[in-house]
Structure formats: structure tokens, C-alpha cells
Amino acid sequence: MAAAVLAGAIGAGLAARESGSQPAATPPPRASASEAATYPPSELVRSCESAGQALRKRLDDDFAILVRPPFVIAGNTTAGELEQMARWSVLRPAGAMWTSYFDKRPDKVITVLLFKGDKAYRWWAGTLFGDKDLPHFGYYRNVDRTLVMNIDTGTGTLVHELTHALIVYDYPDVPTWFNEGLASLHEQCTVGEREITGLPNWRLPALQAAIAKGALRSLRELVSARDFYGPGQGLNYAQARYFCLYVQRAGKLPELYRHMRSAGRAAGADVKAIEAALGKPIQTVEKEMIELVKGLKFGR
């Protein structure tokens, strides 16, 4: 199996940036491979083993548990099924993101709970965490670094939320639009050993309709305003996702990520990072992105 095809839906992100330094003309080079060669550290391995033992006491016998540092993965399924889900929807995507984007890896345990069936998903979320008003597909609990997923809805949301869980260690002040754009790109994708490639998904029709009506705000406004989760949230997700897909198809997404990470928090920093990575004004970038989106198709 050379790649896994993933489909899913929405997620939640991190706070936007506010103020700071100017972006560098060129992004800093990738960190050395020394951390990857010695990862995971023994302390993290011990923490994961302890977390797995503690989780075993909180779950019933229907659950299998895997310890794969930095992840502790549990699901109400067989050990074999859980191993396959972990391999293709957690470990392989994480490895691809570390290779493509993230230099710094987690130094704390990340728990992944995969529930088969909506009833189990809601009951266990309430029992373990007291969470009641749940998204249909799943969510990420930043407070305790836990992904809680209704895996029967597909694995796309799992990879979306996994992106949020991993990016914070490498880029803690990632702006919301880029955090959600990259995570949403991973909702439907192919996962190779070294990269994740986004594909058109269910967010496309709404974006195409907004373009046709002239109702899409400018790319500059999307990346400069701090209202991503406001009234236009659904369209913001779509616009950010397909901007990331446009950049990926231009072969510049890892470069953009590094420019963004080094950009600082000054007003206009995100626009400058985009222009530096793509080598053209943001108005040209926007026109090219819109033309790409107009020609895309998504069939269920």
C-alpha cells in the first residue's frame, strides 16, 4: 500500500498572531537530522508507557491500546485493526509532516482515541472528559493533547486534528488561517512516506459559488484579518484550504511554511511571507489561485 487516501471534515485551531518582527527575506535552513535520529528520547518513551498503563485502567476490555511514542493510541476495536489505523492515519501522516514541515517534534504524550460508532464516541467523551456538545467527526483537546475521534466518519478529520497537535511544537504562534488551511488540506489527501498531497474535497463547491457571486473576500484580507472563526468561518476554511492547495501545486508549500514560521508577528508579515515564498505579488497569487479553483472538480 503506497499511499492512504483520507477523507474527513472540520477541526479547530490556535490563536492568531498579533505583533512582532519583520519576516526574513529567505527562510532559515531546515534543522539538522540529529533530533530525528535520536527521537523519541527515553524520557518521552517512559511517559508514553505510563500514560498507556493509566489509560488502560480508564477504558474497558473492548479497547486495544498501542504505545508508539509520542503517541498513545486506543480504540474499541481489535489490536490488528488498531495497528492498521495507527499506521496509516497517525504514524505515516506524522512522519510525512515531520519530513516536509516540522523540525521540532513533540516532547509530551499525545493521546489518540479512536471510537467506532457515534454512540461510543459520545459516551466515552462524556465519561472521560465531561464533553457533551461534540462535533460530529471528532475534535482535539489542546488542554491535555488528546484527539477524540468518531472514526466511523472517516480518517480525514483525524489527520486534520493531528496537524494541529503536531504543528504547535514547531510553530507555536502559527496564525489561525494558515493553521486551519494546512490542517484542512489534509482532510482529503494521499499520504506518502515523505509528503502529504491534498486533493479536492467537499469544501470546493462553496468556494466556487462565492467566486462566481463575487462574494469572496481578498486573499490579503483573509491572511491579515483576525476574524477567522467569525460569521464567515465556513468560507474562510475553504479559502485557506484551497490557497494551501494552490501553493502545494506550485511546489512551494514547505518553503511557504518556513517563510511563515520565520515571519514574526508584525502587521503585514503574512503577506510578505507569501510574496517571498512564491516570488510574486499577492494580487497575482490570488488571481492564479482563483483560476485554479474554477477548474477543479470534486465528485463524491
C-alpha atoms as a PDB file:
ATOM      1  CA  MET A   1       0.000   0.000   0.000  1.00  0.00           C
ATOM      2  CA  ALA A   2       1.958   3.014  -1.279  1.00  0.00           C
ATOM      3  CA  ALA A   3      -0.436   5.669  -0.028  1.00  0.00           C
ATOM      4  CA  ALA A   4      -3.526   6.079   2.087  1.00  0.00           C
ATOM      5  CA  VAL A   5      -6.483   8.119   0.805  1.00  0.00           C
ATOM      6  CA  LEU A   6      -8.138  10.065   3.568  1.00  0.00           C
ATOM      7  CA  ALA A   7     -11.419  11.956   3.757  1.00  0.00           C
ATOM      8  CA  GLY A   8     -12.983  13.992   6.541  1.00  0.00           C
ATOM      9  CA  ALA A   9     -14.121  17.361   7.815  1.00  0.00           C
ATOM     10  CA  ILE A  10     -13.706  20.200  10.273  1.00  0.00           C
ATOM     11  CA  GLY A  11     -11.246  20.972  13.084  1.00  0.00           C
ATOM     12  CA  ALA A  12     -10.212  23.684  15.488  1.00  0.00           C
ATOM     13  CA  GLY A  13      -7.057  25.750  15.657  1.00  0.00           C
ATOM     14  CA  LEU A  14      -4.800  28.055  17.584  1.00  0.00           C
ATOM     15  CA  ALA A  15      -4.988  31.758  18.386  1.00  0.00           C
ATOM     16  CA  ALA A  16      -3.898  34.314  15.791  1.00  0.00           C
ATOM     17  CA  ARG A  17      -0.699  36.300  15.981  1.00  0.00           C
ATOM     18  CA  GLU A  18      -0.765  39.968  16.965  1.00  0.00           C
ATOM     19  CA  SER A  19       2.555  41.836  16.784  1.00  0.00           C
ATOM     20  CA  GLY A  20       6.275  41.305  16.283  1.00  0.00           C
ATOM     21  CA  SER A  21       9.268  41.350  13.936  1.00  0.00           C
ATOM     22  CA  GLN A  22       9.566  41.558  10.141  1.00  0.00           C
ATOM     23  CA  PRO A  23       9.875  38.392   8.046  1.00  0.00           C
ATOM     24  CA  ALA A  24      13.252  37.286   6.811  1.00  0.00           C
ATOM     25  CA  ALA A  25      13.982  37.601   3.089  1.00  0.00           C
ATOM     26  CA  THR A  26      14.706  33.888   2.994  1.00  0.00           C
ATOM     27  CA  PRO A  27      13.590  31.242   5.475  1.00  0.00           C
ATOM     28  CA  PRO A  28      16.152  29.659   7.781  1.00  0.00           C
ATOM     29  CA  PRO A  29      17.507  26.270   6.701  1.00  0.00           C
ATOM     30  CA  ARG A  30      15.993  23.073   7.976  1.00  0.00           C
ATOM     31  CA  ALA A  31      17.270  21.870  11.334  1.00  0.00           C
ATOM     32  CA  SER A  32      19.800  19.065  11.356  1.00  0.00           C
ATOM     33  CA  ALA A  33      18.698  15.444  11.399  1.00  0.00           C
ATOM     34  CA  SER A  34      20.202  14.869  14.836  1.00  0.00           C
ATOM     35  CA  GLU A  35      16.890  15.239  16.675  1.00  0.00           C
ATOM     36  CA  ALA A  36      15.129  12.809  14.334  1.00  0.00           C
ATOM     37  CA  ALA A  37      17.964  10.299  14.705  1.00  0.00           C
ATOM     38  CA  THR A  38      17.637  10.237  18.493  1.00  0.00           C
ATOM     39  CA  TYR A  39      13.846  10.563  18.635  1.00  0.00           C
ATOM     40  CA  PRO A  40      11.946   9.663  20.738  1.00  0.00           C
ATOM     41  CA  PRO A  41      14.034  10.404  23.841  1.00  0.00           C
ATOM     42  CA  SER A  42      13.939   7.845  26.626  1.00  0.00           C
ATOM     43  CA  GLU A  43      12.043  10.173  28.957  1.00  0.00           C
ATOM     44  CA  LEU A  44       9.223  10.528  26.430  1.00  0.00           C
ATOM     45  CA  VAL A  45       9.133   6.753  25.916  1.00  0.00           C
ATOM     46  CA  ARG A  46       8.696   6.252  29.655  1.00  0.00           C
ATOM     47  CA  SER A  47       5.981   8.906  29.778  1.00  0.00           C
ATOM     48  CA  CYS A  48       4.104   7.198  26.946  1.00  0.00           C
ATOM     49  CA  GLU A  49       4.348   3.814  28.631  1.00  0.00           C
ATOM     50  CA  SER A  50       2.992   5.280  31.868  1.00  0.00           C
ATOM     51  CA  ALA A  51       0.205   7.067  30.007  1.00  0.00           C
ATOM     52  CA  GLY A  52      -0.737   3.834  28.256  1.00  0.00           C
ATOM     53  CA  GLN A  53      -0.962   1.997  31.563  1.00  0.00           C
ATOM     54  CA  ALA A  54      -3.083   4.769  33.068  1.00  0.00           C
ATOM     55  CA  LEU A  55      -5.386   4.780  30.046  1.00  0.00           C
ATOM     56  CA  ARG A  56      -5.802   1.013  30.276  1.00  0.00           C
ATOM     57  CA  LYS A  57      -7.309   1.483  33.740  1.00  0.00           C
ATOM     58  CA  ARG A  58      -9.835   4.023  32.446  1.00  0.00           C
ATOM     59  CA  LEU A  59     -11.070   2.012  29.457  1.00  0.00           C
ATOM     60  CA  ASP A  60     -12.874  -1.320  29.331  1.00  0.00           C
ATOM     61  CA  ASP A  61     -11.845  -4.585  27.709  1.00  0.00           C
ATOM     62  CA  ASP A  62     -13.321  -3.601  24.340  1.00  0.00           C
ATOM     63  CA  PHE A  63     -10.306  -1.371  23.780  1.00  0.00           C
ATOM     64  CA  ALA A  64      -6.890  -2.132  22.355  1.00  0.00           C
ATOM     65  CA  ILE A  65      -4.015   0.218  23.193  1.00  0.00           C
ATOM     66  CA  LEU A  66      -0.811   0.922  21.292  1.00  0.00           C
ATOM     67  CA  VAL A  67       2.173   2.866  22.579  1.00  0.00           C
ATOM     68  CA  ARG A  68       4.054   4.481  19.695  1.00  0.00           C
ATOM     69  CA  PRO A  69       5.900   7.498  21.142  1.00  0.00           C
ATOM     70  CA  PRO A  70       4.963  10.296  21.120  1.00  0.00           C
ATOM     71  CA  PHE A  71       1.533   8.710  20.633  1.00  0.00           C
ATOM     72  CA  VAL A  72      -0.621   6.562  22.863  1.00  0.00           C
ATOM     73  CA  ILE A  73      -3.401   5.242  20.627  1.00  0.00           C
ATOM     74  CA  ALA A  74      -6.548   3.467  21.811  1.00  0.00           C
ATOM     75  CA  GLY A  75      -9.651   2.207  20.058  1.00  0.00           C
ATOM     76  CA  ASN A  76     -12.656  -0.018  20.695  1.00  0.00           C
ATOM     77  CA  THR A  77     -11.514  -2.452  18.034  1.00  0.00           C
ATOM     78  CA  THR A  78      -9.140  -5.382  17.658  1.00  0.00           C
ATOM     79  CA  ALA A  79      -5.419  -4.910  18.120  1.00  0.00           C
ATOM     80  CA  GLY A  80      -4.867  -5.695  14.451  1.00  0.00           C
ATOM     81  CA  GLU A  81      -7.398  -3.135  13.248  1.00  0.00           C
ATOM     82  CA  LEU A  82      -5.979  -0.527  15.594  1.00  0.00           C
ATOM     83  CA  GLU A  83      -2.459  -1.224  14.334  1.00  0.00           C
ATOM     84  CA  GLN A  84      -3.595  -0.583  10.755  1.00  0.00           C
ATOM     85  CA  MET A  85      -5.436   2.636  11.635  1.00  0.00           C
ATOM     86  CA  ALA A  86      -2.467   3.849  13.644  1.00  0.00           C
ATOM     87  CA  ARG A  87      -0.019   3.058  10.867  1.00  0.00           C
ATOM     88  CA  TRP A  88      -1.871   4.720   8.000  1.00  0.00           C
ATOM     89  CA  SER A  89      -3.754   7.536   9.749  1.00  0.00           C
ATOM     90  CA  VAL A  90      -1.403   8.584  12.570  1.00  0.00           C
ATOM     91  CA  LEU A  91       2.185   7.377  12.214  1.00  0.00           C
ATOM     92  CA  ARG A  92       2.594   7.729   8.457  1.00  0.00           C
ATOM     93  CA  PRO A  93       0.983  11.205   8.257  1.00  0.00           C
ATOM     94  CA  ALA A  94       3.032  12.361  11.255  1.00  0.00           C
ATOM     95  CA  GLY A  95       6.225  11.157   9.605  1.00  0.00           C
ATOM     96  CA  ALA A  96       5.340  12.946   6.380  1.00  0.00           C
ATOM     97  CA  MET A  97       4.660  16.212   8.227  1.00  0.00           C
ATOM     98  CA  TRP A  98       7.937  15.975  10.130  1.00  0.00           C
ATOM     99  CA  THR A  99       9.765  15.393   6.866  1.00  0.00           C
ATOM    100  CA  SER A 100       8.016  18.171   4.928  1.00  0.00           C
ATOM    101  CA  TYR A 101       7.447  20.880   7.524  1.00  0.00           C
ATOM    102  CA  PHE A 102       8.079  20.418  11.211  1.00  0.00           C
ATOM    103  CA  ASP A 103      11.633  20.473  12.576  1.00  0.00           C
ATOM    104  CA  LYS A 104      10.678  20.155  16.241  1.00  0.00           C
ATOM    105  CA  ARG A 105       8.845  17.050  17.404  1.00  0.00           C
ATOM    106  CA  PRO A 106       6.589  16.630  20.451  1.00  0.00           C
ATOM    107  CA  ASP A 107       8.246  16.254  23.828  1.00  0.00           C
ATOM    108  CA  LYS A 108       4.970  15.329  25.546  1.00  0.00           C
ATOM    109  CA  VAL A 109       2.498  12.481  25.141  1.00  0.00           C
ATOM    110  CA  ILE A 110      -0.223  12.872  22.521  1.00  0.00           C
ATOM    111  CA  THR A 111      -3.222  10.613  23.131  1.00  0.00           C
ATOM    112  CA  VAL A 112      -5.338   9.434  20.193  1.00  0.00           C
ATOM    113  CA  LEU A 113      -8.751   7.922  20.977  1.00  0.00           C
ATOM    114  CA  LEU A 114     -10.475   6.230  18.031  1.00  0.00           C
ATOM    115  CA  PHE A 115     -14.106   5.290  18.654  1.00  0.00           C
ATOM    116  CA  LYS A 116     -16.069   3.057  16.317  1.00  0.00           C
ATOM    117  CA  GLY A 117     -19.623   4.336  16.282  1.00  0.00           C
ATOM    118  CA  ASP A 118     -21.257   7.607  17.261  1.00  0.00           C
ATOM    119  CA  LYS A 119     -22.707   6.140  20.456  1.00  0.00           C
ATOM    120  CA  ALA A 120     -19.312   5.017  21.784  1.00  0.00           C
ATOM    121  CA  TYR A 121     -17.711   8.296  20.704  1.00  0.00           C
ATOM    122  CA  ARG A 122     -20.211  10.419  22.617  1.00  0.00           C
ATOM    123  CA  TRP A 123     -20.441   8.173  25.670  1.00  0.00           C
ATOM    124  CA  TRP A 124     -16.700   7.928  26.183  1.00  0.00           C
ATOM    125  CA  ALA A 125     -16.101  11.633  25.503  1.00  0.00           C
ATOM    126  CA  GLY A 126     -18.599  12.400  28.238  1.00  0.00           C
ATOM    127  CA  THR A 127     -17.265   9.758  30.621  1.00  0.00           C
ATOM    128  CA  LEU A 128     -13.571  10.569  30.223  1.00  0.00           C
ATOM    129  CA  PHE A 129     -13.703  14.342  29.840  1.00  0.00           C
ATOM    130  CA  GLY A 130     -17.220  15.557  30.581  1.00  0.00           C
ATOM    131  CA  ASP A 131     -17.540  16.756  26.982  1.00  0.00           C
ATOM    132  CA  LYS A 132     -21.139  16.837  25.781  1.00  0.00           C
ATOM    133  CA  ASP A 133     -21.668  19.156  22.800  1.00  0.00           C
ATOM    134  CA  LEU A 134     -19.456  17.297  20.333  1.00  0.00           C
ATOM    135  CA  PRO A 135     -18.584  17.850  16.675  1.00  0.00           C
ATOM    136  CA  HIS A 136     -19.862  15.010  14.501  1.00  0.00           C
ATOM    137  CA  PHE A 137     -16.453  13.878  13.272  1.00  0.00           C
ATOM    138  CA  GLY A 138     -14.100  14.459  16.185  1.00  0.00           C
ATOM    139  CA  TYR A 139     -12.011  17.124  17.891  1.00  0.00           C
ATOM    140  CA  TYR A 140      -8.692  17.941  19.528  1.00  0.00           C
ATOM    141  CA  ARG A 141      -8.402  18.755  23.230  1.00  0.00           C
ATOM    142  CA  ASN A 142      -5.450  21.123  23.435  1.00  0.00           C
ATOM    143  CA  VAL A 143      -5.560  21.169  27.234  1.00  0.00           C
ATOM    144  CA  ASP A 144      -4.464  17.521  27.502  1.00  0.00           C
ATOM    145  CA  ARG A 145      -3.157  16.908  23.965  1.00  0.00           C
ATOM    146  CA  THR A 146      -5.869  14.373  23.138  1.00  0.00           C
ATOM    147  CA  LEU A 147      -7.515  13.618  19.802  1.00  0.00           C
ATOM    148  CA  VAL A 148     -11.056  12.284  20.270  1.00  0.00           C
ATOM    149  CA  MET A 149     -12.402  10.836  17.041  1.00  0.00           C
ATOM    150  CA  ASN A 150     -15.542   9.169  15.710  1.00  0.00           C
ATOM    151  CA  ILE A 151     -13.535   7.002  13.340  1.00  0.00           C
ATOM    152  CA  ASP A 152     -16.642   5.634  11.606  1.00  0.00           C
ATOM    153  CA  THR A 153     -16.945   9.009   9.832  1.00  0.00           C
ATOM    154  CA  GLY A 154     -13.585   8.538   8.110  1.00  0.00           C
ATOM    155  CA  THR A 155      -9.982   9.387   8.834  1.00  0.00           C
ATOM    156  CA  GLY A 156      -9.720  12.828   7.243  1.00  0.00           C
ATOM    157  CA  THR A 157     -10.636  14.677  10.412  1.00  0.00           C
ATOM    158  CA  LEU A 158      -8.076  12.586  12.294  1.00  0.00           C
ATOM    159  CA  VAL A 159      -5.271  13.837  10.040  1.00  0.00           C
ATOM    160  CA  HIS A 160      -6.696  17.383  10.242  1.00  0.00           C
ATOM    161  CA  GLU A 161      -6.582  17.343  14.034  1.00  0.00           C
ATOM    162  CA  LEU A 162      -3.221  15.560  14.029  1.00  0.00           C
ATOM    163  CA  THR A 163      -1.834  18.533  12.105  1.00  0.00           C
ATOM    164  CA  HIS A 164      -2.951  20.863  14.896  1.00  0.00           C
ATOM    165  CA  ALA A 165      -1.469  18.587  17.541  1.00  0.00           C
ATOM    166  CA  LEU A 166       1.956  18.490  15.852  1.00  0.00           C
ATOM    167  CA  ILE A 167       2.376  21.990  14.441  1.00  0.00           C
ATOM    168  CA  VAL A 168       2.273  23.670  17.847  1.00  0.00           C
ATOM    169  CA  TYR A 169       5.645  22.175  18.820  1.00  0.00           C
ATOM    170  CA  ASP A 170       7.371  23.615  15.751  1.00  0.00           C
ATOM    171  CA  TYR A 171       5.370  26.792  15.127  1.00  0.00           C
ATOM    172  CA  PRO A 172       3.562  27.739  18.356  1.00  0.00           C
ATOM    173  CA  ASP A 173       2.349  31.128  17.115  1.00  0.00           C
ATOM    174  CA  VAL A 174       1.061  29.891  13.759  1.00  0.00           C
ATOM    175  CA  PRO A 175      -1.701  32.233  12.502  1.00  0.00           C
ATOM    176  CA  THR A 176      -5.137  30.693  12.544  1.00  0.00           C
ATOM    177  CA  TRP A 177      -5.757  30.983   8.808  1.00  0.00           C
ATOM    178  CA  PHE A 178      -2.577  29.043   7.984  1.00  0.00           C
ATOM    179  CA  ASN A 179      -3.055  26.516  10.780  1.00  0.00           C
ATOM    180  CA  GLU A 180      -6.561  25.724   9.550  1.00  0.00           C
ATOM    181  CA  GLY A 181      -5.611  25.933   5.885  1.00  0.00           C
ATOM    182  CA  LEU A 182      -2.847  23.351   6.232  1.00  0.00           C
ATOM    183  CA  ALA A 183      -4.931  21.100   8.501  1.00  0.00           C
ATOM    184  CA  SER A 184      -7.910  21.319   6.133  1.00  0.00           C
ATOM    185  CA  LEU A 185      -5.664  20.453   3.186  1.00  0.00           C
ATOM    186  CA  HIS A 186      -5.059  17.139   4.957  1.00  0.00           C
ATOM    187  CA  GLU A 187      -8.769  16.288   5.205  1.00  0.00           C
ATOM    188  CA  GLN A 188      -8.655  14.588   1.832  1.00  0.00           C
ATOM    189  CA  CYS A 189      -5.231  13.621   0.611  1.00  0.00           C
ATOM    190  CA  THR A 190      -2.737  10.964  -0.314  1.00  0.00           C
ATOM    191  CA  VAL A 191      -0.128  10.171   2.305  1.00  0.00           C
ATOM    192  CA  GLY A 192       3.299   9.151   1.117  1.00  0.00           C
ATOM    193  CA  GLU A 193       6.308   8.388   3.249  1.00  0.00           C
ATOM    194  CA  ARG A 194       7.725  11.901   2.830  1.00  0.00           C
ATOM    195  CA  GLU A 195       4.801  14.150   1.970  1.00  0.00           C
ATOM    196  CA  ILE A 196       1.047  14.622   2.141  1.00  0.00           C
ATOM    197  CA  THR A 197      -0.666  15.738  -1.047  1.00  0.00           C
ATOM    198  CA  GLY A 198      -4.022  17.468  -0.746  1.00  0.00           C
ATOM    199  CA  LEU A 199      -6.897  16.649  -3.089  1.00  0.00           C
ATOM    200  CA  PRO A 200     -10.149  18.489  -3.886  1.00  0.00           C
ATOM    201  CA  ASN A 201     -12.777  17.899  -1.216  1.00  0.00           C
ATOM    202  CA  TRP A 202     -16.260  18.856  -0.066  1.00  0.00           C
ATOM    203  CA  ARG A 203     -15.276  22.451   0.688  1.00  0.00           C
ATOM    204  CA  LEU A 204     -14.832  23.192  -3.035  1.00  0.00           C
ATOM    205  CA  PRO A 205     -18.451  23.915  -4.143  1.00  0.00           C
ATOM    206  CA  ALA A 206     -18.986  26.668  -1.559  1.00  0.00           C
ATOM    207  CA  LEU A 207     -15.739  28.349  -2.575  1.00  0.00           C
ATOM    208  CA  GLN A 208     -16.576  28.151  -6.279  1.00  0.00           C
ATOM    209  CA  ALA A 209     -20.034  29.575  -5.592  1.00  0.00           C
ATOM    210  CA  ALA A 210     -18.567  32.511  -3.654  1.00  0.00           C
ATOM    211  CA  ILE A 211     -16.152  33.228  -6.504  1.00  0.00           C
ATOM    212  CA  ALA A 212     -18.981  33.136  -9.054  1.00  0.00           C
ATOM    213  CA  LYS A 213     -21.054  35.567  -6.967  1.00  0.00           C
ATOM    214  CA  GLY A 214     -18.121  37.915  -6.339  1.00  0.00           C
ATOM    215  CA  ALA A 215     -18.591  37.267  -2.621  1.00  0.00           C
ATOM    216  CA  LEU A 216     -15.100  36.016  -1.779  1.00  0.00           C
ATOM    217  CA  ARG A 217     -13.006  38.438   0.206  1.00  0.00           C
ATOM    218  CA  SER A 218      -9.471  39.142  -0.900  1.00  0.00           C
ATOM    219  CA  LEU A 219      -6.614  36.848  -0.011  1.00  0.00           C
ATOM    220  CA  ARG A 220      -4.883  39.798   1.633  1.00  0.00           C
ATOM    221  CA  GLU A 221      -7.871  40.286   3.935  1.00  0.00           C
ATOM    222  CA  LEU A 222      -8.063  36.582   4.772  1.00  0.00           C
ATOM    223  CA  VAL A 223      -4.438  36.459   5.922  1.00  0.00           C
ATOM    224  CA  SER A 224      -4.447  39.873   7.617  1.00  0.00           C
ATOM    225  CA  ALA A 225      -7.758  39.939   9.496  1.00  0.00           C
ATOM    226  CA  ARG A 226      -8.101  38.184  12.820  1.00  0.00           C
ATOM    227  CA  ASP A 227     -11.690  37.029  12.393  1.00  0.00           C
ATOM    228  CA  PHE A 228     -11.245  33.511  11.011  1.00  0.00           C
ATOM    229  CA  TYR A 229     -13.811  31.975  13.364  1.00  0.00           C
ATOM    230  CA  GLY A 230     -16.337  34.743  12.764  1.00  0.00           C
ATOM    231  CA  PRO A 231     -19.570  34.660  10.718  1.00  0.00           C
ATOM    232  CA  GLY A 232     -17.709  33.667   7.544  1.00  0.00           C
ATOM    233  CA  GLN A 233     -15.928  30.735   9.166  1.00  0.00           C
ATOM    234  CA  GLY A 234     -17.032  28.087   6.664  1.00  0.00           C
ATOM    235  CA  LEU A 235     -15.864  30.082   3.662  1.00  0.00           C
ATOM    236  CA  ASN A 236     -12.651  31.031   5.466  1.00  0.00           C
ATOM    237  CA  TYR A 237     -11.820  27.343   5.879  1.00  0.00           C
ATOM    238  CA  ALA A 238     -12.421  26.741   2.177  1.00  0.00           C
ATOM    239  CA  GLN A 239     -10.399  29.753   1.033  1.00  0.00           C
ATOM    240  CA  ALA A 240      -7.470  28.918   3.313  1.00  0.00           C
ATOM    241  CA  ARG A 241      -7.526  25.261   2.273  1.00  0.00           C
ATOM    242  CA  TYR A 242      -7.507  25.931  -1.436  1.00  0.00           C
ATOM    243  CA  PHE A 243      -4.841  28.590  -1.076  1.00  0.00           C
ATOM    244  CA  CYS A 244      -2.661  25.903   0.504  1.00  0.00           C
ATOM    245  CA  LEU A 245      -3.574  23.502  -2.300  1.00  0.00           C
ATOM    246  CA  TYR A 246      -2.594  26.159  -4.872  1.00  0.00           C
ATOM    247  CA  VAL A 247       0.759  26.679  -3.149  1.00  0.00           C
ATOM    248  CA  GLN A 248       1.314  22.926  -2.934  1.00  0.00           C
ATOM    249  CA  ARG A 249       0.667  22.511  -6.652  1.00  0.00           C
ATOM    250  CA  ALA A 250       3.211  25.265  -7.260  1.00  0.00           C
ATOM    251  CA  GLY A 251       5.726  23.152  -5.325  1.00  0.00           C
ATOM    252  CA  LYS A 252       6.189  25.857  -2.698  1.00  0.00           C
ATOM    253  CA  LEU A 253       4.266  24.726   0.377  1.00  0.00           C
ATOM    254  CA  PRO A 254       7.265  23.645   2.514  1.00  0.00           C
ATOM    255  CA  GLU A 255       9.018  26.877   1.534  1.00  0.00           C
ATOM    256  CA  LEU A 256       5.951  28.934   2.446  1.00  0.00           C
ATOM    257  CA  TYR A 257       5.750  27.137   5.782  1.00  0.00           C
ATOM    258  CA  ARG A 258       9.338  28.108   6.610  1.00  0.00           C
ATOM    259  CA  HIS A 259       8.793  31.703   5.487  1.00  0.00           C
ATOM    260  CA  MET A 260       5.655  31.888   7.624  1.00  0.00           C
ATOM    261  CA  ARG A 261       7.415  30.424  10.641  1.00  0.00           C
ATOM    262  CA  SER A 262      10.211  32.996  10.439  1.00  0.00           C
ATOM    263  CA  ALA A 263       7.907  35.910   9.603  1.00  0.00           C
ATOM    264  CA  GLY A 264       7.295  37.206  13.117  1.00  0.00           C
ATOM    265  CA  ARG A 265       4.117  38.957  14.212  1.00  0.00           C
ATOM    266  CA  ALA A 266       4.276  42.363  12.569  1.00  0.00           C
ATOM    267  CA  ALA A 267       1.320  43.697  10.632  1.00  0.00           C
ATOM    268  CA  GLY A 268       1.629  42.555   7.035  1.00  0.00           C
ATOM    269  CA  ALA A 269       4.121  39.805   7.848  1.00  0.00           C
ATOM    270  CA  ASP A 270       1.952  37.039   6.395  1.00  0.00           C
ATOM    271  CA  VAL A 271       1.538  38.873   3.084  1.00  0.00           C
ATOM    272  CA  LYS A 272       5.291  39.414   2.852  1.00  0.00           C
ATOM    273  CA  ALA A 273       5.938  35.749   3.620  1.00  0.00           C
ATOM    274  CA  ILE A 274       3.553  34.678   0.846  1.00  0.00           C
ATOM    275  CA  GLU A 275       5.159  37.026  -1.657  1.00  0.00           C
ATOM    276  CA  ALA A 276       8.666  35.923  -0.674  1.00  0.00           C
ATOM    277  CA  ALA A 277       7.859  32.217  -0.956  1.00  0.00           C
ATOM    278  CA  LEU A 278       6.033  32.488  -4.282  1.00  0.00           C
ATOM    279  CA  GLY A 279       8.108  35.267  -5.821  1.00  0.00           C
ATOM    280  CA  LYS A 280       5.144  37.350  -6.971  1.00  0.00           C
ATOM    281  CA  PRO A 281       2.707  39.968  -5.612  1.00  0.00           C
ATOM    282  CA  ILE A 282      -0.199  38.681  -3.563  1.00  0.00           C
ATOM    283  CA  GLN A 283      -2.657  40.063  -6.145  1.00  0.00           C
ATOM    284  CA  THR A 284      -1.087  37.789  -8.777  1.00  0.00           C
ATOM    285  CA  VAL A 285      -1.120  34.871  -6.353  1.00  0.00           C
ATOM    286  CA  GLU A 286      -4.818  35.442  -5.724  1.00  0.00           C
ATOM    287  CA  LYS A 287      -5.682  35.564  -9.438  1.00  0.00           C
ATOM    288  CA  GLU A 288      -3.813  32.328 -10.094  1.00  0.00           C
ATOM    289  CA  MET A 289      -5.441  30.627  -7.124  1.00  0.00           C
ATOM    290  CA  ILE A 290      -8.926  31.643  -8.284  1.00  0.00           C
ATOM    291  CA  GLU A 291      -8.273  30.334 -11.788  1.00  0.00           C
ATOM    292  CA  LEU A 292      -7.115  27.030 -10.316  1.00  0.00           C
ATOM    293  CA  VAL A 293     -10.197  26.753  -8.101  1.00  0.00           C
ATOM    294  CA  LYS A 294     -12.550  27.478 -11.002  1.00  0.00           C
ATOM    295  CA  GLY A 295     -11.184  24.496 -12.889  1.00  0.00           C
ATOM    296  CA  LEU A 296     -11.228  21.979 -10.030  1.00  0.00           C
ATOM    297  CA  LYS A 297     -13.848  19.270  -9.686  1.00  0.00           C
ATOM    298  CA  PHE A 298     -14.940  17.242  -6.699  1.00  0.00           C
ATOM    299  CA  GLY A 299     -17.055  14.138  -7.026  1.00  0.00           C
ATOM    300  CA  ARG A 300     -18.203  12.186  -4.014  1.00  0.00           C
END
